[in-house]
């Protein structure tokens, strides 16, 4: 055999197993949920004083620093004054985006709802922004058990991640509305069998609420922040956006993973709060980017083609 052919064969045998092992290793996925704090229902006509433009600049800068792969947004807005905020974020990052205004579901009559939002020049709802292509999306109307004129929806997007499809949900439920949360749980569980499902959002209730307490006990639901921060309060609301000091002391923003069948569970590597420092207005005054903290996590899903045993999260963090 010629020496050059022997060299090629040996090189192939040396590198191919390592390359195969590298392909077998799923890449971690970095995810973030964040309530943007919209500018108010009448912001199509009037300035509300929340400095949305300045806060949006701060938000985009922090997202560019964090580089999350998938972002679930709440209170994402589209108005005459500020344009389509989630699209502006996606364009700044070079990401894909899907957005569904909950305010277009007030009456359930599509044309009427579109006329209402067009008249006031404002609409808001959940959005999903992704580094990877969004293959499909779906919108679910949630029951209005307490507030008939407060439409809430659940947004789902299928993300074509490098190691396989991921089902991502973005939710913003009404305060203390347990029946909405129960419906969210039912809808998300329909995709639980894949072991590659994420629910993110502002659930407007604490982890001691009846529904979330049940989720915490349910083997299939993994509270990502609590799994890696068992002794940390993790308050995400409510931040006074105009003061220097932190005021958030209640956790209402969550990331949940849904484990699939036995041996097909996701892994939580880490989770922490984001957007936890104020920025500055041109005059030097403090300005926080939202009245919410974000929740950021590094997770890992099992490959699509074969089950993979979950690793226990690191519970030593405090």
Foldseek 3Di string as FASTA:
>chain_A
DDPVVVVVVVVCVVCVVVVVVVVQDFDWAKEKEEEQAEQDLQVLPDGSPQPQVVLLVVVLVQCVVVVGFKYKYFFQKAFNVPHRSVVVSLVSVVWDKDADFQQCPQPPDNVVSVVVCVVSRMTTGMMMTGRADFDDKDKAWFDDPDDSRDTWIKIWTWGQDPQGTAIEIEGAADAPPVRRVVVVVVVQVVPLQQLRYKYWYQQNDACPDPSNVVLVVDVFKDFQACQAEVPDQQFWAFAPFFAQDGDGRGDRTTMIGGGHPAQFHKEWAHKHWAQHGWDADPVGTTGGSHRTIMMMTIMGGRGRPDGHHYDRYHRPHD
